[in-house]
Amino acid sequence: MKKKSPQELISIAKALRSGEISDGENAGGKCGLALWFDIQQELKQFSPQQRQLIQKATEEPVREKSRIIGHFKIFYDTTTVNKPSLIDSLYNQTPNTGEKYVDSVGKFFNEVWLYELDSLGYPAPPLNIDGTYHVVISNLGFGYYGITWPDY
């Protein structure tokens, strides 16, 4: 696989963040982890301006609402393309199910938290200053199920 330049990595990160990429494979996988590894590997090659651009492209987006459910602060929209909803068997959004979706996210994230920390013995992940782990619900397009961005 061809090594990507810092500018290519910045462009992919911006496109992913804005929802312009609709196929997970174009950014190196369904969760974007390969993109994150590529950025980390090449970060020393970035100019100061490119470092600022990648930081901007990967910063936590602003959402209309947030709720704390257990260990997680979940950010989400209620009126934009990022508005969450449950889907039916044909992948159609079910109207007025955004809050149920957020409830489900909180429930499952906390179940995984308990399993990983209590059953598997992993240490807790680093938390934000408010004592929670932030989760931002975004429409990433078909082919993605999530992405983790670092705090720089």
C-alpha atoms as a PDB file:
ATOM      1  CA  MET A   1       0.000   0.000   0.000  1.00  0.00           C
ATOM      2  CA  LYS A   2       1.329   3.433  -1.001  1.00  0.00           C
ATOM      3  CA  LYS A   3       2.357   5.710   1.831  1.00  0.00           C
ATOM      4  CA  LYS A   4       0.155   8.817   2.034  1.00  0.00           C
ATOM      5  CA  SER A   5       1.574  12.331   2.261  1.00  0.00           C
ATOM      6  CA  PRO A   6       0.624  14.597   5.165  1.00  0.00           C
ATOM      7  CA  GLN A   7      -1.595  16.613   2.798  1.00  0.00           C
ATOM      8  CA  GLU A   8      -3.407  13.449   1.643  1.00  0.00           C
ATOM      9  CA  LEU A   9      -3.974  12.391   5.253  1.00  0.00           C
ATOM     10  CA  ILE A  10      -5.352  15.843   6.111  1.00  0.00           C
ATOM     11  CA  SER A  11      -7.693  15.728   3.102  1.00  0.00           C
ATOM     12  CA  ILE A  12      -8.995  12.273   4.052  1.00  0.00           C
ATOM     13  CA  ALA A  13      -9.523  13.320   7.701  1.00  0.00           C
ATOM     14  CA  LYS A  14     -11.430  16.450   6.616  1.00  0.00           C
ATOM     15  CA  ALA A  15     -13.584  14.468   4.172  1.00  0.00           C
ATOM     16  CA  LEU A  16     -14.332  11.837   6.805  1.00  0.00           C
ATOM     17  CA  ARG A  17     -15.258  14.454   9.400  1.00  0.00           C
ATOM     18  CA  SER A  18     -17.565  16.281   6.966  1.00  0.00           C
ATOM     19  CA  GLY A  19     -19.224  13.084   5.710  1.00  0.00           C
ATOM     20  CA  GLU A  20     -17.870  13.497   2.163  1.00  0.00           C
ATOM     21  CA  ILE A  21     -16.417   9.977   2.229  1.00  0.00           C
ATOM     22  CA  SER A  22     -19.210   7.442   2.055  1.00  0.00           C
ATOM     23  CA  ASP A  23     -17.159   4.254   1.791  1.00  0.00           C
ATOM     24  CA  GLY A  24     -15.126   3.174   4.819  1.00  0.00           C
ATOM     25  CA  GLU A  25     -12.481   1.502   2.714  1.00  0.00           C
ATOM     26  CA  ASN A  26     -11.467   4.863   1.192  1.00  0.00           C
ATOM     27  CA  ALA A  27     -10.181   5.979   4.595  1.00  0.00           C
ATOM     28  CA  GLY A  28      -8.504   2.703   5.464  1.00  0.00           C
ATOM     29  CA  GLY A  29     -11.187   0.622   7.136  1.00  0.00           C
ATOM     30  CA  LYS A  30     -14.621   0.650   8.697  1.00  0.00           C
ATOM     31  CA  CYS A  31     -13.546   2.399  11.875  1.00  0.00           C
ATOM     32  CA  GLY A  32     -10.904   4.783  10.559  1.00  0.00           C
ATOM     33  CA  LEU A  33      -8.250   3.213  12.783  1.00  0.00           C
ATOM     34  CA  ALA A  34      -5.846   2.761   9.869  1.00  0.00           C
ATOM     35  CA  LEU A  35      -6.152   6.483   9.103  1.00  0.00           C
ATOM     36  CA  TRP A  36      -5.333   7.319  12.720  1.00  0.00           C
ATOM     37  CA  PHE A  37      -2.273   5.018  12.612  1.00  0.00           C
ATOM     38  CA  ASP A  38      -1.125   6.613   9.349  1.00  0.00           C
ATOM     39  CA  ILE A  39      -1.462  10.091  10.871  1.00  0.00           C
ATOM     40  CA  GLN A  40       0.477   9.067  13.985  1.00  0.00           C
ATOM     41  CA  GLN A  41       3.197   7.460  11.885  1.00  0.00           C
ATOM     42  CA  GLU A  42       3.619  10.548   9.708  1.00  0.00           C
ATOM     43  CA  LEU A  43       2.999  13.254  12.335  1.00  0.00           C
ATOM     44  CA  LYS A  44       6.704  14.071  12.638  1.00  0.00           C
ATOM     45  CA  GLN A  45       6.754  14.860   8.909  1.00  0.00           C
ATOM     46  CA  PHE A  46       3.902  17.398   9.236  1.00  0.00           C
ATOM     47  CA  SER A  47       4.783  21.076   9.101  1.00  0.00           C
ATOM     48  CA  PRO A  48       3.450  23.260  11.954  1.00  0.00           C
ATOM     49  CA  GLN A  49       0.654  24.426   9.639  1.00  0.00           C
ATOM     50  CA  GLN A  50      -0.222  20.824   8.717  1.00  0.00           C
ATOM     51  CA  ARG A  51      -0.303  19.889  12.419  1.00  0.00           C
ATOM     52  CA  GLN A  52      -2.805  22.689  13.003  1.00  0.00           C
ATOM     53  CA  LEU A  53      -4.920  21.468  10.083  1.00  0.00           C
ATOM     54  CA  ILE A  54      -4.966  17.869  11.310  1.00  0.00           C
ATOM     55  CA  GLN A  55      -5.826  19.045  14.822  1.00  0.00           C
ATOM     56  CA  LYS A  56      -8.727  21.081  13.419  1.00  0.00           C
ATOM     57  CA  ALA A  57      -9.889  18.156  11.244  1.00  0.00           C
ATOM     58  CA  THR A  58      -9.921  15.790  14.223  1.00  0.00           C
ATOM     59  CA  GLU A  59     -11.328  18.017  16.969  1.00  0.00           C
ATOM     60  CA  GLU A  60     -14.599  17.121  18.621  1.00  0.00           C
ATOM     61  CA  PRO A  61     -17.499  18.514  16.594  1.00  0.00           C
ATOM     62  CA  VAL A  62     -20.172  20.677  18.183  1.00  0.00           C
ATOM     63  CA  ARG A  63     -23.591  19.063  18.543  1.00  0.00           C
ATOM     64  CA  GLU A  64     -26.984  20.468  19.568  1.00  0.00           C
ATOM     65  CA  LYS A  65     -27.525  18.341  22.675  1.00  0.00           C
ATOM     66  CA  SER A  66     -25.671  16.136  25.126  1.00  0.00           C
ATOM     67  CA  ARG A  67     -26.627  13.667  27.842  1.00  0.00           C
ATOM     68  CA  ILE A  68     -24.583  11.892  30.469  1.00  0.00           C
ATOM     69  CA  ILE A  69     -25.402   8.201  30.705  1.00  0.00           C
ATOM     70  CA  GLY A  70     -23.162   6.401  33.191  1.00  0.00           C
ATOM     71  CA  HIS A  71     -19.510   6.946  32.254  1.00  0.00           C
ATOM     72  CA  PHE A  72     -20.319   8.572  28.909  1.00  0.00           C
ATOM     73  CA  LYS A  73     -21.315  12.035  27.755  1.00  0.00           C
ATOM     74  CA  ILE A  74     -23.124  11.551  24.469  1.00  0.00           C
ATOM     75  CA  PHE A  75     -23.327  14.466  22.042  1.00  0.00           C
ATOM     76  CA  TYR A  76     -25.940  14.427  19.293  1.00  0.00           C
ATOM     77  CA  ASP A  77     -28.079  16.561  17.005  1.00  0.00           C
ATOM     78  CA  THR A  78     -31.842  16.681  16.722  1.00  0.00           C
ATOM     79  CA  THR A  79     -32.257  18.551  13.429  1.00  0.00           C
ATOM     80  CA  THR A  80     -29.256  17.932  11.160  1.00  0.00           C
ATOM     81  CA  VAL A  81     -28.028  15.080   8.964  1.00  0.00           C
ATOM     82  CA  ASN A  82     -26.322  13.762  12.127  1.00  0.00           C
ATOM     83  CA  LYS A  83     -29.675  13.283  13.887  1.00  0.00           C
ATOM     84  CA  PRO A  84     -29.710   9.725  15.276  1.00  0.00           C
ATOM     85  CA  SER A  85     -32.572   7.319  14.762  1.00  0.00           C
ATOM     86  CA  LEU A  86     -33.310   3.640  14.928  1.00  0.00           C
ATOM     87  CA  ILE A  87     -33.603   1.899  11.564  1.00  0.00           C
ATOM     88  CA  ASP A  88     -35.888  -0.786  10.219  1.00  0.00           C
ATOM     89  CA  SER A  89     -34.865  -3.996   8.462  1.00  0.00           C
ATOM     90  CA  LEU A  90     -34.484  -2.092   5.169  1.00  0.00           C
ATOM     91  CA  TYR A  91     -32.167   0.517   6.782  1.00  0.00           C
ATOM     92  CA  ASN A  92     -34.831   3.229   6.694  1.00  0.00           C
ATOM     93  CA  GLN A  93     -34.805   5.672   9.583  1.00  0.00           C
ATOM     94  CA  THR A  94     -37.677   5.307  12.016  1.00  0.00           C
ATOM     95  CA  PRO A  95     -39.087   8.779  12.802  1.00  0.00           C
ATOM     96  CA  ASN A  96     -38.911  10.162  16.350  1.00  0.00           C
ATOM     97  CA  THR A  97     -36.528   7.518  17.683  1.00  0.00           C
ATOM     98  CA  GLY A  98     -33.468   9.731  18.280  1.00  0.00           C
ATOM     99  CA  GLU A  99     -33.729   9.672  22.066  1.00  0.00           C
ATOM    100  CA  LYS A 100     -34.192   5.884  22.036  1.00  0.00           C
ATOM    101  CA  TYR A 101     -31.051   5.608  19.913  1.00  0.00           C
ATOM    102  CA  VAL A 102     -29.108   7.741  22.404  1.00  0.00           C
ATOM    103  CA  ASP A 103     -30.456   5.586  25.261  1.00  0.00           C
ATOM    104  CA  SER A 104     -29.229   2.476  23.421  1.00  0.00           C
ATOM    105  CA  VAL A 105     -25.791   3.983  22.843  1.00  0.00           C
ATOM    106  CA  GLY A 106     -25.496   4.796  26.540  1.00  0.00           C
ATOM    107  CA  LYS A 107     -26.708   1.363  27.601  1.00  0.00           C
ATOM    108  CA  PHE A 108     -24.360  -0.595  25.349  1.00  0.00           C
ATOM    109  CA  PHE A 109     -21.307   1.589  25.951  1.00  0.00           C
ATOM    110  CA  ASN A 110     -21.760   1.169  29.716  1.00  0.00           C
ATOM    111  CA  GLU A 111     -22.238  -2.596  29.380  1.00  0.00           C
ATOM    112  CA  VAL A 112     -18.961  -2.797  27.446  1.00  0.00           C
ATOM    113  CA  TRP A 113     -17.295  -0.551  30.048  1.00  0.00           C
ATOM    114  CA  LEU A 114     -18.320  -2.946  32.847  1.00  0.00           C
ATOM    115  CA  TYR A 115     -17.227  -6.023  30.921  1.00  0.00           C
ATOM    116  CA  GLU A 116     -13.831  -4.623  29.931  1.00  0.00           C
ATOM    117  CA  LEU A 117     -13.001  -3.196  33.365  1.00  0.00           C
ATOM    118  CA  ASP A 118     -14.682  -5.672  35.714  1.00  0.00           C
ATOM    119  CA  SER A 119     -14.451  -8.959  33.799  1.00  0.00           C
ATOM    120  CA  LEU A 120     -11.342  -8.484  31.690  1.00  0.00           C
ATOM    121  CA  GLY A 121      -9.479  -6.243  34.132  1.00  0.00           C
ATOM    122  CA  TYR A 122      -8.543  -3.501  31.663  1.00  0.00           C
ATOM    123  CA  PRO A 123      -7.788  -0.070  33.097  1.00  0.00           C
ATOM    124  CA  ALA A 124     -10.321   2.709  32.545  1.00  0.00           C
ATOM    125  CA  PRO A 125      -9.659   4.862  29.488  1.00  0.00           C
ATOM    126  CA  PRO A 126      -8.519   8.451  30.015  1.00  0.00           C
ATOM    127  CA  LEU A 127     -11.529  10.618  30.789  1.00  0.00           C
ATOM    128  CA  ASN A 128     -12.251  14.207  29.879  1.00  0.00           C
ATOM    129  CA  ILE A 129     -12.027  16.956  32.469  1.00  0.00           C
ATOM    130  CA  ASP A 130     -15.740  16.479  33.252  1.00  0.00           C
ATOM    131  CA  GLY A 131     -15.067  12.877  34.371  1.00  0.00           C
ATOM    132  CA  THR A 132     -16.778  11.255  31.379  1.00  0.00           C
ATOM    133  CA  TYR A 133     -15.718   9.663  28.109  1.00  0.00           C
ATOM    134  CA  HIS A 134     -17.118  11.685  25.221  1.00  0.00           C
ATOM    135  CA  VAL A 135     -19.095  10.033  22.438  1.00  0.00           C
ATOM    136  CA  VAL A 136     -20.243  12.051  19.436  1.00  0.00           C
ATOM    137  CA  ILE A 137     -23.003  10.616  17.271  1.00  0.00           C
ATOM    138  CA  SER A 138     -22.357  11.437  13.615  1.00  0.00           C
ATOM    139  CA  ASN A 139     -23.602  10.212  10.279  1.00  0.00           C
ATOM    140  CA  LEU A 140     -20.370   8.771   8.875  1.00  0.00           C
ATOM    141  CA  GLY A 141     -21.966   7.355   5.758  1.00  0.00           C
ATOM    142  CA  PHE A 142     -22.281   3.779   4.606  1.00  0.00           C
ATOM    143  CA  GLY A 143     -19.351   1.538   5.469  1.00  0.00           C
ATOM    144  CA  TYR A 144     -18.365   3.015   8.845  1.00  0.00           C
ATOM    145  CA  TYR A 145     -19.432   2.026  12.294  1.00  0.00           C
ATOM    146  CA  GLY A 146     -17.335   4.507  14.234  1.00  0.00           C
ATOM    147  CA  ILE A 147     -14.059   6.331  14.524  1.00  0.00           C
ATOM    148  CA  THR A 148     -11.838   7.382  17.380  1.00  0.00           C
ATOM    149  CA  TRP A 149      -9.987  10.682  17.215  1.00  0.00           C
ATOM    150  CA  PRO A 150      -7.232  11.528  19.681  1.00  0.00           C
ATOM    151  CA  ASP A 151      -6.988  14.621  21.818  1.00  0.00           C
ATOM    152  CA  TYR A 152      -3.853  16.462  20.701  1.00  0.00           C
END
